[in-house]
Structures are given as C-alpha cells and as structure tokens.
PDB file of N, CA and C in Angstrom:
ATOM      1  N   MET A   1     121.306   1.972 101.860  1.00  0.00           N
ATOM      2  CA  MET A   1     121.863   2.407 101.053  1.00  0.00           C
ATOM      3  C   MET A   1     122.780   1.698  99.837  1.00  0.00           C
ATOM      4  N   LEU A   2     123.082   0.336 100.758  1.00  0.00           N
ATOM      5  CA  LEU A   2     123.810  -0.351  99.573  1.00  0.00           C
ATOM      6  C   LEU A   2     123.146  -0.996  98.471  1.00  0.00           C
ATOM      7  N   ALA A   3     121.813  -1.407  99.260  1.00  0.00           N
ATOM      8  CA  ALA A   3     120.761  -2.166  98.108  1.00  0.00           C
ATOM      9  C   ALA A   3     120.433  -1.084  97.159  1.00  0.00           C
ATOM     10  N   VAL A   4     120.508   0.531  97.194  1.00  0.00           N
ATOM     11  CA  VAL A   4     120.135   1.205  96.166  1.00  0.00           C
ATOM     12  C   VAL A   4     121.390   1.289  95.131  1.00  0.00           C
ATOM     13  N   LEU A   5     122.455   1.080  95.605  1.00  0.00           N
ATOM     14  CA  LEU A   5     123.699   1.013  95.201  1.00  0.00           C
ATOM     15  C   LEU A   5     123.902   0.298  94.062  1.00  0.00           C
ATOM     16  N   LEU A   6     123.533  -1.332  94.539  1.00  0.00           N
ATOM     17  CA  LEU A   6     123.486  -2.342  93.739  1.00  0.00           C
ATOM     18  C   LEU A   6     122.269  -2.537  92.690  1.00  0.00           C
ATOM     19  N   LEU A   7     121.112  -1.595  93.008  1.00  0.00           N
ATOM     20  CA  LEU A   7     119.933  -1.959  92.174  1.00  0.00           C
ATOM     21  C   LEU A   7     120.553  -0.944  91.023  1.00  0.00           C
ATOM     22  N   ALA A   8     120.876   0.025  91.232  1.00  0.00           N
ATOM     23  CA  ALA A   8     121.173   1.180  90.293  1.00  0.00           C
ATOM     24  C   ALA A   8     122.307   0.197  89.464  1.00  0.00           C
ATOM     25  N   ALA A   9     123.184   0.207  90.019  1.00  0.00           N
ATOM     26  CA  ALA A   9     124.440  -0.473  89.119  1.00  0.00           C
ATOM     27  C   ALA A   9     123.673  -1.579  87.878  1.00  0.00           C
ATOM     28  N   LYS A  10     123.030  -2.333  88.507  1.00  0.00           N
ATOM     29  CA  LYS A  10     122.228  -3.393  87.486  1.00  0.00           C
ATOM     30  C   LYS A  10     121.506  -3.064  86.374  1.00  0.00           C
ATOM     31  N   PHE A  11     120.884  -1.992  86.510  1.00  0.00           N
ATOM     32  CA  PHE A  11     120.052  -1.324  85.763  1.00  0.00           C
ATOM     33  C   PHE A  11     120.703  -0.050  85.216  1.00  0.00           C
ATOM     34  N   GLY A  12     122.078   0.216  85.533  1.00  0.00           N
ATOM     35  CA  GLY A  12     122.528   1.451  84.820  1.00  0.00           C
ATOM     36  C   GLY A  12     122.137   2.802  85.077  1.00  0.00           C
ATOM     37  N   VAL A  13     121.625   2.831  86.207  1.00  0.00           N
ATOM     38  CA  VAL A  13     121.424   3.916  87.104  1.00  0.00           C
ATOM     39  C   VAL A  13     122.173   4.785  87.525  1.00  0.00           C
ATOM     40  N   PRO A  14     122.887   6.108  87.459  1.00  0.00           N
ATOM     41  CA  PRO A  14     123.831   6.616  88.232  1.00  0.00           C
ATOM     42  C   PRO A  14     122.828   7.026  89.143  1.00  0.00           C
ATOM     43  N   VAL A  15     123.904   6.937  90.666  1.00  0.00           N
ATOM     44  CA  VAL A  15     123.715   7.491  91.877  1.00  0.00           C
ATOM     45  C   VAL A  15     124.248   8.648  92.389  1.00  0.00           C
ATOM     46  N   CYS A  16     123.387   9.564  93.109  1.00  0.00           N
ATOM     47  CA  CYS A  16     124.400  10.559  93.558  1.00  0.00           C
ATOM     48  C   CYS A  16     123.729  10.774  95.120  1.00  0.00           C
ATOM     49  N   PRO A  17     124.835  10.184  95.805  1.00  0.00           N
ATOM     50  CA  PRO A  17     124.306  10.582  97.364  1.00  0.00           C
ATOM     51  C   PRO A  17     123.760  11.846  97.953  1.00  0.00           C
ATOM     52  N   HIS A  18     122.959  11.974  98.708  1.00  0.00           N
ATOM     53  CA  HIS A  18     122.858  13.533  99.145  1.00  0.00           C
ATOM     54  C   HIS A  18     123.359  13.831 100.403  1.00  0.00           C
ATOM     55  N   ALA A  19     124.196  14.657 100.167  1.00  0.00           N
ATOM     56  CA  ALA A  19     125.003  14.985 101.671  1.00  0.00           C
ATOM     57  C   ALA A  19     124.789  16.319 102.194  1.00  0.00           C
ATOM     58  N   GLY A  20     123.908  17.231 101.664  1.00  0.00           N
ATOM     59  CA  GLY A  20     123.545  18.574 102.416  1.00  0.00           C
ATOM     60  C   GLY A  20     123.055  18.720 103.653  1.00  0.00           C
ATOM     61  N   GLY A  21     123.042  17.651 104.784  1.00  0.00           N
ATOM     62  CA  GLY A  21     122.721  18.058 105.925  1.00  0.00           C
ATOM     63  C   GLY A  21     124.085  17.786 107.021  1.00  0.00           C
ATOM     64  N   VAL A  22     123.882  18.175 108.450  1.00  0.00           N
ATOM     65  CA  VAL A  22     124.700  17.800 109.285  1.00  0.00           C
ATOM     66  C   VAL A  22     124.878  16.697 109.307  1.00  0.00           C
ATOM     67  N   GLY A  23     126.168  16.210 108.905  1.00  0.00           N
ATOM     68  CA  GLY A  23     126.860  14.415 109.048  1.00  0.00           C
ATOM     69  C   GLY A  23     126.636  14.100 107.815  1.00  0.00           C
ATOM     70  N   LEU A  24     125.853  14.438 107.072  1.00  0.00           N
ATOM     71  CA  LEU A  24     125.603  13.684 105.885  1.00  0.00           C
ATOM     72  C   LEU A  24     126.796  13.538 104.840  1.00  0.00           C
ATOM     73  N   CYS A  25     127.739  14.390 104.749  1.00  0.00           N
ATOM     74  CA  CYS A  25     128.827  14.604 103.690  1.00  0.00           C
ATOM     75  C   CYS A  25     129.706  13.194 104.620  1.00  0.00           C
ATOM     76  N   GLU A  26     130.380  13.394 105.988  1.00  0.00           N
ATOM     77  CA  GLU A  26     130.818  12.419 106.850  1.00  0.00           C
ATOM     78  C   GLU A  26     130.314  10.770 106.133  1.00  0.00           C
ATOM     79  N   TYR A  27     128.866  10.549 106.604  1.00  0.00           N
ATOM     80  CA  TYR A  27     128.393   9.297 106.115  1.00  0.00           C
ATOM     81  C   TYR A  27     128.422   8.962 104.748  1.00  0.00           C
ATOM     82  N   ALA A  28     128.213   9.763 103.862  1.00  0.00           N
ATOM     83  CA  ALA A  28     128.250   9.447 102.110  1.00  0.00           C
ATOM     84  C   ALA A  28     129.390   9.268 101.683  1.00  0.00           C
ATOM     85  N   GLN A  29     130.443   9.891 102.411  1.00  0.00           N
ATOM     86  CA  GLN A  29     131.651   9.353 101.749  1.00  0.00           C
ATOM     87  C   GLN A  29     132.082   7.951 101.821  1.00  0.00           C
ATOM     88  N   HIS A  30     131.626   7.462 102.682  1.00  0.00           N
ATOM     89  CA  HIS A  30     131.792   5.739 103.060  1.00  0.00           C
ATOM     90  C   HIS A  30     130.747   5.157 101.592  1.00  0.00           C
ATOM     91  N   ILE A  31     129.539   5.659 101.635  1.00  0.00           N
ATOM     92  CA  ILE A  31     129.073   4.813 100.439  1.00  0.00           C
ATOM     93  C   ILE A  31     129.659   5.299  98.916  1.00  0.00           C
ATOM     94  N   SER A  32     130.267   6.525  98.685  1.00  0.00           N
ATOM     95  CA  SER A  32     131.121   6.816  97.672  1.00  0.00           C
ATOM     96  C   SER A  32     132.363   5.802  97.267  1.00  0.00           C
ATOM     97  N   ILE A  33     132.726   5.432  98.643  1.00  0.00           N
ATOM     98  CA  ILE A  33     134.139   4.633  98.537  1.00  0.00           C
ATOM     99  C   ILE A  33     133.549   3.277  98.028  1.00  0.00           C
ATOM    100  N   PHE A  34     132.560   2.794  98.748  1.00  0.00           N
ATOM    101  CA  PHE A  34     132.104   1.542  98.605  1.00  0.00           C
ATOM    102  C   PHE A  34     131.404   1.315  96.939  1.00  0.00           C
ATOM    103  N   ASP A  35     130.702   2.248  96.835  1.00  0.00           N
ATOM    104  CA  ASP A  35     130.407   2.495  95.145  1.00  0.00           C
ATOM    105  C   ASP A  35     131.663   2.239  94.168  1.00  0.00           C
ATOM    106  N   TYR A  36     132.516   3.196  94.389  1.00  0.00           N
ATOM    107  CA  TYR A  36     133.963   3.043  93.753  1.00  0.00           C
ATOM    108  C   TYR A  36     134.600   1.437  93.769  1.00  0.00           C
ATOM    109  N   GLY A  37     134.704   1.181  94.907  1.00  0.00           N
ATOM    110  CA  GLY A  37     135.551   0.070  95.316  1.00  0.00           C
ATOM    111  C   GLY A  37     134.792  -1.563  95.030  1.00  0.00           C
ATOM    112  N   ALA A  38     133.516  -1.653  95.430  1.00  0.00           N
ATOM    113  CA  ALA A  38     132.723  -2.728  95.109  1.00  0.00           C
ATOM    114  C   ALA A  38     131.693  -2.700  93.884  1.00  0.00           C
ATOM    115  N   VAL A  39     131.400  -1.755  93.621  1.00  0.00           N
ATOM    116  CA  VAL A  39     130.550  -1.630  92.692  1.00  0.00           C
ATOM    117  C   VAL A  39     130.932  -1.154  91.035  1.00  0.00           C
ATOM    118  N   GLY A  40     131.256   0.053  91.135  1.00  0.00           N
ATOM    119  CA  GLY A  40     131.793   0.327  89.706  1.00  0.00           C
ATOM    120  C   GLY A  40     133.258   0.128  89.634  1.00  0.00           C
ATOM    121  N   ALA A  41     133.867   0.054  90.438  1.00  0.00           N
ATOM    122  CA  ALA A  41     135.267   0.066  90.419  1.00  0.00           C
ATOM    123  C   ALA A  41     135.958   1.068  88.848  1.00  0.00           C
ATOM    124  N   SER A  42     135.339   2.088  89.068  1.00  0.00           N
ATOM    125  CA  SER A  42     135.305   3.629  87.884  1.00  0.00           C
ATOM    126  C   SER A  42     135.039   4.529  88.534  1.00  0.00           C
ATOM    127  N   LEU A  43     135.719   5.741  88.130  1.00  0.00           N
ATOM    128  CA  LEU A  43     135.024   7.193  88.676  1.00  0.00           C
ATOM    129  C   LEU A  43     134.059   7.532  87.446  1.00  0.00           C
ATOM    130  N   ASP A  44     134.124   7.166  86.631  1.00  0.00           N
ATOM    131  CA  ASP A  44     133.391   7.602  85.409  1.00  0.00           C
ATOM    132  C   ASP A  44     131.960   7.584  85.597  1.00  0.00           C
ATOM    133  N   GLY A  45     131.228   8.771  85.669  1.00  0.00           N
ATOM    134  CA  GLY A  45     130.119   8.846  86.264  1.00  0.00           C
ATOM    135  C   GLY A  45     129.713   8.847  87.698  1.00  0.00           C
ATOM    136  N   ARG A  46     130.502   8.934  88.362  1.00  0.00           N
ATOM    137  CA  ARG A  46     130.268   8.542  89.373  1.00  0.00           C
ATOM    138  C   ARG A  46     130.526  10.557  90.421  1.00  0.00           C
ATOM    139  N   VAL A  47     129.404  10.503  91.139  1.00  0.00           N
ATOM    140  CA  VAL A  47     129.036  11.743  91.649  1.00  0.00           C
ATOM    141  C   VAL A  47     128.860  11.591  92.966  1.00  0.00           C
ATOM    142  N   CYS A  48     128.977  12.603  94.099  1.00  0.00           N
ATOM    143  CA  CYS A  48     128.758  12.654  95.422  1.00  0.00           C
ATOM    144  C   CYS A  48     128.470  13.951  95.852  1.00  0.00           C
ATOM    145  N   GLU A  49     127.517  14.666  96.565  1.00  0.00           N
ATOM    146  CA  GLU A  49     127.250  15.948  96.557  1.00  0.00           C
ATOM    147  C   GLU A  49     127.885  16.020  97.803  1.00  0.00           C
ATOM    148  N   PHE A  50     128.410  17.491  98.094  1.00  0.00           N
ATOM    149  CA  PHE A  50     129.189  18.210  99.429  1.00  0.00           C
ATOM    150  C   PHE A  50     129.327  19.460  99.815  1.00  0.00           C
ATOM    151  N   VAL A  51     128.765  19.435 100.891  1.00  0.00           N
ATOM    152  CA  VAL A  51     128.428  20.658 101.461  1.00  0.00           C
ATOM    153  C   VAL A  51     129.573  21.202 102.325  1.00  0.00           C
ATOM    154  N   ASP A  52     130.261  22.363 102.432  1.00  0.00           N
ATOM    155  CA  ASP A  52     131.438  22.631 103.341  1.00  0.00           C
ATOM    156  C   ASP A  52     130.870  23.433 104.431  1.00  0.00           C
ATOM    157  N   HIS A  53     130.182  22.830 105.374  1.00  0.00           N
ATOM    158  CA  HIS A  53     129.975  23.437 106.714  1.00  0.00           C
ATOM    159  C   HIS A  53     129.815  22.579 107.922  1.00  0.00           C
ATOM    160  N   LEU A  54     129.846  22.881 109.124  1.00  0.00           N
ATOM    161  CA  LEU A  54     129.577  21.947 110.176  1.00  0.00           C
ATOM    162  C   LEU A  54     130.640  20.938 110.190  1.00  0.00           C
ATOM    163  N   HIS A  55     131.741  20.585 109.562  1.00  0.00           N
ATOM    164  CA  HIS A  55     132.527  19.908 109.939  1.00  0.00           C
ATOM    165  C   HIS A  55     133.514  19.402 110.786  1.00  0.00           C
ATOM    166  N   GLU A  56     133.732  20.747 111.390  1.00  0.00           N
ATOM    167  CA  GLU A  56     134.462  21.210 112.823  1.00  0.00           C
ATOM    168  C   GLU A  56     133.792  20.387 114.088  1.00  0.00           C
ATOM    169  N   HIS A  57     132.764  19.984 113.645  1.00  0.00           N
ATOM    170  CA  HIS A  57     131.742  19.205 115.076  1.00  0.00           C
ATOM    171  C   HIS A  57     132.012  17.665 115.094  1.00  0.00           C
ATOM    172  N   PHE A  58     132.586  17.100 114.146  1.00  0.00           N
ATOM    173  CA  PHE A  58     132.858  15.753 113.845  1.00  0.00           C
ATOM    174  C   PHE A  58     134.096  15.518 114.226  1.00  0.00           C
ATOM    175  N   VAL A  59     134.185  14.130 115.060  1.00  0.00           N
ATOM    176  CA  VAL A  59     135.713  13.940 115.479  1.00  0.00           C
ATOM    177  C   VAL A  59     136.739  13.139 114.219  1.00  0.00           C
ATOM    178  N   ASP A  60     136.064  12.656 113.400  1.00  0.00           N
ATOM    179  CA  ASP A  60     136.798  12.550 112.143  1.00  0.00           C
ATOM    180  C   ASP A  60     136.132  13.202 110.953  1.00  0.00           C
ATOM    181  N   PRO A  61     136.335  14.296 110.696  1.00  0.00           N
ATOM    182  CA  PRO A  61     135.721  15.435 109.449  1.00  0.00           C
ATOM    183  C   PRO A  61     136.107  14.751 108.440  1.00  0.00           C
ATOM    184  N   VAL A  62     134.985  14.749 107.320  1.00  0.00           N
ATOM    185  CA  VAL A  62     135.264  14.287 106.156  1.00  0.00           C
ATOM    186  C   VAL A  62     136.502  15.327 105.083  1.00  0.00           C
ATOM    187  N   ARG A  63     137.069  14.622 104.279  1.00  0.00           N
ATOM    188  CA  ARG A  63     137.877  15.488 103.863  1.00  0.00           C
ATOM    189  C   ARG A  63     138.061  15.353 102.261  1.00  0.00           C
ATOM    190  N   VAL A  64     138.340  16.628 101.541  1.00  0.00           N
ATOM    191  CA  VAL A  64     138.126  16.223 100.243  1.00  0.00           C
ATOM    192  C   VAL A  64     139.502  17.255  99.723  1.00  0.00           C
ATOM    193  N   ASP A  65     139.805  16.292  98.400  1.00  0.00           N
ATOM    194  CA  ASP A  65     141.027  17.084  97.691  1.00  0.00           C
ATOM    195  C   ASP A  65     140.827  17.191  96.036  1.00  0.00           C
ATOM    196  N   GLY A  66     140.876  17.854  95.719  1.00  0.00           N
ATOM    197  CA  GLY A  66     140.918  18.103  94.086  1.00  0.00           C
ATOM    198  C   GLY A  66     139.375  17.675  93.680  1.00  0.00           C
ATOM    199  N   GLY A  67     138.688  18.036  94.598  1.00  0.00           N
ATOM    200  CA  GLY A  67     137.037  17.812  94.136  1.00  0.00           C
ATOM    201  C   GLY A  67     136.817  16.060  94.296  1.00  0.00           C
ATOM    202  N   ARG A  68     137.475  15.329  95.193  1.00  0.00           N
ATOM    203  CA  ARG A  68     137.388  14.199  95.221  1.00  0.00           C
ATOM    204  C   ARG A  68     137.429  13.668  97.174  1.00  0.00           C
ATOM    205  N   TYR A  69     136.427  12.927  97.241  1.00  0.00           N
ATOM    206  CA  TYR A  69     136.511  12.628  98.714  1.00  0.00           C
ATOM    207  C   TYR A  69     137.697  11.915  99.174  1.00  0.00           C
ATOM    208  N   LEU A  70     138.406  11.889  99.989  1.00  0.00           N
ATOM    209  CA  LEU A  70     139.652  11.471 100.753  1.00  0.00           C
ATOM    210  C   LEU A  70     139.099  10.069 101.558  1.00  0.00           C
ATOM    211  N   VAL A  71     139.899   9.313 101.875  1.00  0.00           N
ATOM    212  CA  VAL A  71     139.308   7.613 102.521  1.00  0.00           C
ATOM    213  C   VAL A  71     139.454   8.392 103.659  1.00  0.00           C
ATOM    214  N   PRO A  72     138.642   7.919 104.871  1.00  0.00           N
ATOM    215  CA  PRO A  72     138.639   8.378 105.952  1.00  0.00           C
ATOM    216  C   PRO A  72     139.931   7.613 107.010  1.00  0.00           C
ATOM    217  N   THR A  73     140.703   8.312 107.789  1.00  0.00           N
ATOM    218  CA  THR A  73     141.739   7.966 108.345  1.00  0.00           C
ATOM    219  C   THR A  73     141.482   6.706 109.368  1.00  0.00           C
ATOM    220  N   MET A  74     139.970   7.357 110.190  1.00  0.00           N
ATOM    221  CA  MET A  74     139.868   6.391 111.660  1.00  0.00           C
ATOM    222  C   MET A  74     138.741   5.495 111.115  1.00  0.00           C
ATOM    223  N   PRO A  75     138.734   4.179 111.997  1.00  0.00           N
ATOM    224  CA  PRO A  75     137.677   3.361 111.721  1.00  0.00           C
ATOM    225  C   PRO A  75     136.390   3.823 112.101  1.00  0.00           C
ATOM    226  N   GLY A  76     135.268   3.174 111.519  1.00  0.00           N
ATOM    227  CA  GLY A  76     133.960   4.078 112.081  1.00  0.00           C
ATOM    228  C   GLY A  76     133.243   4.615 110.771  1.00  0.00           C
ATOM    229  N   CYS A  77     132.082   4.884 111.101  1.00  0.00           N
ATOM    230  CA  CYS A  77     131.313   5.873 110.314  1.00  0.00           C
ATOM    231  C   CYS A  77     131.470   7.201 109.853  1.00  0.00           C
ATOM    232  N   SER A  78     132.294   7.783 110.851  1.00  0.00           N
ATOM    233  CA  SER A  78     132.983   9.236 110.530  1.00  0.00           C
ATOM    234  C   SER A  78     131.663  10.183 111.149  1.00  0.00           C
ATOM    235  N   VAL A  79     130.592   9.573 111.872  1.00  0.00           N
ATOM    236  CA  VAL A  79     129.760  10.701 112.136  1.00  0.00           C
ATOM    237  C   VAL A  79     129.631  10.880 113.802  1.00  0.00           C
ATOM    238  N   GLU A  80     130.659  10.302 114.303  1.00  0.00           N
ATOM    239  CA  GLU A  80     130.745  10.694 115.939  1.00  0.00           C
ATOM    240  C   GLU A  80     130.712  12.200 116.028  1.00  0.00           C
ATOM    241  N   ILE A  81     129.766  12.959 116.445  1.00  0.00           N
ATOM    242  CA  ILE A  81     130.003  14.313 116.938  1.00  0.00           C
ATOM    243  C   ILE A  81     130.712  14.420 118.330  1.00  0.00           C
ATOM    244  N   ARG A  82     131.717  15.514 118.105  1.00  0.00           N
ATOM    245  CA  ARG A  82     132.493  15.950 119.303  1.00  0.00           C
ATOM    246  C   ARG A  82     131.566  15.934 120.528  1.00  0.00           C
ATOM    247  N   SER A  83     132.129  15.739 121.642  1.00  0.00           N
ATOM    248  CA  SER A  83     131.603  16.146 123.009  1.00  0.00           C
ATOM    249  C   SER A  83     131.497  17.386 123.094  1.00  0.00           C
ATOM    250  N   GLU A  84     132.457  18.365 122.771  1.00  0.00           N
ATOM    251  CA  GLU A  84     132.408  19.616 122.955  1.00  0.00           C
ATOM    252  C   GLU A  84     131.072  20.309 122.491  1.00  0.00           C
ATOM    253  N   SER A  85     130.891  20.164 121.129  1.00  0.00           N
ATOM    254  CA  SER A  85     129.824  20.288 119.908  1.00  0.00           C
ATOM    255  C   SER A  85     128.222  19.778 120.851  1.00  0.00           C
ATOM    256  N   LEU A  86     128.439  18.686 121.170  1.00  0.00           N
ATOM    257  CA  LEU A  86     126.916  17.905 121.819  1.00  0.00           C
ATOM    258  C   LEU A  86     126.750  18.866 122.697  1.00  0.00           C
ATOM    259  N   SER A  87     127.852  19.010 123.866  1.00  0.00           N
ATOM    260  CA  SER A  87     127.406  19.871 125.259  1.00  0.00           C
ATOM    261  C   SER A  87     127.006  21.166 124.791  1.00  0.00           C
ATOM    262  N   GLU A  88     127.719  21.694 123.824  1.00  0.00           N
ATOM    263  CA  GLU A  88     127.247  22.865 123.510  1.00  0.00           C
ATOM    264  C   GLU A  88     125.852  23.422 123.073  1.00  0.00           C
ATOM    265  N   SER A  89     125.548  22.168 122.040  1.00  0.00           N
ATOM    266  CA  SER A  89     124.005  21.883 121.339  1.00  0.00           C
ATOM    267  C   SER A  89     123.173  21.606 122.315  1.00  0.00           C
ATOM    268  N   LEU A  90     123.290  20.872 123.699  1.00  0.00           N
ATOM    269  CA  LEU A  90     122.380  20.849 124.578  1.00  0.00           C
ATOM    270  C   LEU A  90     122.040  21.713 125.335  1.00  0.00           C
ATOM    271  N   SER A  91     123.310  22.589 125.345  1.00  0.00           N
ATOM    272  CA  SER A  91     122.786  23.530 126.960  1.00  0.00           C
ATOM    273  C   SER A  91     122.163  24.713 126.221  1.00  0.00           C
ATOM    274  N   ARG A  92     122.349  24.682 124.765  1.00  0.00           N
ATOM    275  CA  ARG A  92     121.299  25.621 124.161  1.00  0.00           C
ATOM    276  C   ARG A  92     119.778  25.121 124.024  1.00  0.00           C
ATOM    277  N   THR A  93     119.347  24.236 124.306  1.00  0.00           N
ATOM    278  CA  THR A  93     118.151  23.762 124.328  1.00  0.00           C
ATOM    279  C   THR A  93     117.508  23.787 125.605  1.00  0.00           C
ATOM    280  N   ALA A  94     118.375  24.016 126.628  1.00  0.00           N
ATOM    281  CA  ALA A  94     117.642  24.537 127.986  1.00  0.00           C
ATOM    282  C   ALA A  94     117.796  26.241 128.024  1.00  0.00           C
ATOM    283  N   PRO A  95     116.659  26.097 128.725  1.00  0.00           N
ATOM    284  CA  PRO A  95     116.673  27.694 128.905  1.00  0.00           C
ATOM    285  C   PRO A  95     117.445  28.290 130.359  1.00  0.00           C
ATOM    286  N   VAL A  96     117.595  29.111 130.851  1.00  0.00           N
ATOM    287  CA  VAL A  96     118.300  29.599 132.022  1.00  0.00           C
ATOM    288  C   VAL A  96     117.757  29.123 133.266  1.00  0.00           C
ATOM    289  N   GLY A  97     118.683  28.555 133.928  1.00  0.00           N
ATOM    290  CA  GLY A  97     117.977  27.735 134.869  1.00  0.00           C
ATOM    291  C   GLY A  97     118.351  26.308 134.473  1.00  0.00           C
ATOM    292  N   GLY A  98     119.035  25.787 133.558  1.00  0.00           N
ATOM    293  CA  GLY A  98     119.343  24.487 133.726  1.00  0.00           C
ATOM    294  C   GLY A  98     118.067  23.236 133.184  1.00  0.00           C
ATOM    295  N   LYS A  99     116.812  23.594 133.300  1.00  0.00           N
ATOM    296  CA  LYS A  99     115.672  22.817 132.862  1.00  0.00           C
ATOM    297  C   LYS A  99     115.673  22.843 131.306  1.00  0.00           C
ATOM    298  N   GLN A 100     115.434  21.736 131.053  1.00  0.00           N
ATOM    299  CA  GLN A 100     115.077  21.710 129.237  1.00  0.00           C
ATOM    300  C   GLN A 100     113.356  22.093 129.088  1.00  0.00           C
ATOM    301  N   PRO A 101     113.249  22.404 127.955  1.00  0.00           N
ATOM    302  CA  PRO A 101     111.475  22.374 127.379  1.00  0.00           C
ATOM    303  C   PRO A 101     110.863  20.949 127.936  1.00  0.00           C
ATOM    304  N   LYS A 102     109.647  21.056 128.446  1.00  0.00           N
ATOM    305  CA  LYS A 102     108.886  19.846 128.609  1.00  0.00           C
ATOM    306  C   LYS A 102     108.859  19.180 127.582  1.00  0.00           C
ATOM    307  N   ARG A 103     108.720  19.327 126.157  1.00  0.00           N
ATOM    308  CA  ARG A 103     108.528  18.908 125.106  1.00  0.00           C
ATOM    309  C   ARG A 103     109.894  18.113 125.006  1.00  0.00           C
ATOM    310  N   LEU A 104     111.236  18.351 125.392  1.00  0.00           N
ATOM    311  CA  LEU A 104     112.213  17.515 125.430  1.00  0.00           C
ATOM    312  C   LEU A 104     112.257  16.332 125.959  1.00  0.00           C
ATOM    313  N   ARG A 105     111.948  16.605 127.129  1.00  0.00           N
ATOM    314  CA  ARG A 105     111.685  15.586 128.524  1.00  0.00           C
ATOM    315  C   ARG A 105     110.834  14.774 128.087  1.00  0.00           C
ATOM    316  N   ARG A 106     109.623  15.325 127.700  1.00  0.00           N
ATOM    317  CA  ARG A 106     108.759  14.269 127.576  1.00  0.00           C
ATOM    318  C   ARG A 106     109.179  13.286 126.122  1.00  0.00           C
ATOM    319  N   ARG A 107     109.612  13.808 125.129  1.00  0.00           N
ATOM    320  CA  ARG A 107     110.113  13.032 123.849  1.00  0.00           C
ATOM    321  C   ARG A 107     111.200  11.845 124.240  1.00  0.00           C
ATOM    322  N   TYR A 108     112.046  12.282 125.253  1.00  0.00           N
ATOM    323  CA  TYR A 108     113.413  11.312 125.470  1.00  0.00           C
ATOM    324  C   TYR A 108     113.047  10.529 126.789  1.00  0.00           C
ATOM    325  N   GLY A 109     111.775  11.040 127.735  1.00  0.00           N
ATOM    326  CA  GLY A 109     111.460  10.462 128.948  1.00  0.00           C
ATOM    327  C   GLY A 109     112.407  10.771 130.195  1.00  0.00           C
ATOM    328  N   ARG A 110     113.579  11.632 129.759  1.00  0.00           N
ATOM    329  CA  ARG A 110     114.212  12.055 130.780  1.00  0.00           C
ATOM    330  C   ARG A 110     115.257  13.620 130.492  1.00  0.00           C
ATOM    331  N   GLU A 111     115.880  14.112 131.131  1.00  0.00           N
ATOM    332  CA  GLU A 111     117.061  15.258 130.733  1.00  0.00           C
ATOM    333  C   GLU A 111     117.741  14.654 129.900  1.00  0.00           C
ATOM    334  N   ALA A 112     117.833  14.980 128.719  1.00  0.00           N
ATOM    335  CA  ALA A 112     118.826  14.590 127.991  1.00  0.00           C
ATOM    336  C   ALA A 112     120.184  15.241 128.314  1.00  0.00           C
ATOM    337  N   ARG A 113     121.299  14.800 127.913  1.00  0.00           N
ATOM    338  CA  ARG A 113     122.256  15.118 128.522  1.00  0.00           C
ATOM    339  C   ARG A 113     123.622  14.615 127.929  1.00  0.00           C
ATOM    340  N   SER A 114     124.740  15.386 127.854  1.00  0.00           N
ATOM    341  CA  SER A 114     125.899  15.176 126.825  1.00  0.00           C
ATOM    342  C   SER A 114     126.263  13.716 127.110  1.00  0.00           C
ATOM    343  N   ILE A 115     127.076  13.029 126.265  1.00  0.00           N
ATOM    344  CA  ILE A 115     127.240  11.697 126.024  1.00  0.00           C
ATOM    345  C   ILE A 115     128.923  11.930 125.942  1.00  0.00           C
ATOM    346  N   ASP A 116     129.459  11.309 126.856  1.00  0.00           N
ATOM    347  CA  ASP A 116     130.993  11.274 127.151  1.00  0.00           C
ATOM    348  C   ASP A 116     131.556  10.478 125.616  1.00  0.00           C
ATOM    349  N   CYS A 117     132.304  10.922 124.954  1.00  0.00           N
ATOM    350  CA  CYS A 117     132.520  10.594 123.371  1.00  0.00           C
ATOM    351  C   CYS A 117     134.440   9.943 123.608  1.00  0.00           C
ATOM    352  N   SER A 118     134.889   9.871 124.861  1.00  0.00           N
ATOM    353  CA  SER A 118     135.991   9.546 124.806  1.00  0.00           C
ATOM    354  C   SER A 118     136.275   8.061 124.912  1.00  0.00           C
TER     355      SER A 118
END
C-alpha cells in the first residue's frame, strides 16, 4: 500500500483507502496517517473511507473525531481482535457437540481454536 501512495503522489493521483470491511478502518487509519505525515504533509484532497460497525471487536479500535481519524494510542497495526470476540466467532463455526465442520479442519489441518491475545 505504501508503494501505491508514493506512486500516486508522484503522478498527482488522489488515493482513497478502502475501509469497508472488518478491521479495514483500523488498518486504513495507519495508511492515512502515513499519507499525511510522510507523503502529502497536507489534508487537502485527502480522504479515507470509514464504516462505523464492528469496532467493538478490536483491542485498539479506530477513533474518529470531527470526521477525521485520530492517531492510535497503542503500538501496532490496531487490528488485534479481542480474544472474547475470536472465541465467540470460532464457537459459532462449530455445530453442537464441539466439532468444527470438516471443511474447516481440512483447510487448516487441525481444529481451529481461540488465540490468547493477552
């Protein structure tokens, strides 16, 4: 994505990072901050998509104030999913009885399980 920003700046092409899926706003905020701080040094002509849903599932969710992304307060990419959300999601893929569908076991070669994010 950084290469896209740099090439777009070189040729005067505006960029609008897509942030319409789960965790994409959390990721796109970093792209926008880099674009402002290291590429454009201006907010003129800068836009970034924002969708206001599912942020509650992230350890360091995106924050917006006055239509602008706020700089994250924690280190990292801000896309770490809360362990509770991950456990809940994985439990929904398993039918009653605790075994996950064959397609998941075949795809990952083992039972998928929650990851300790602490």
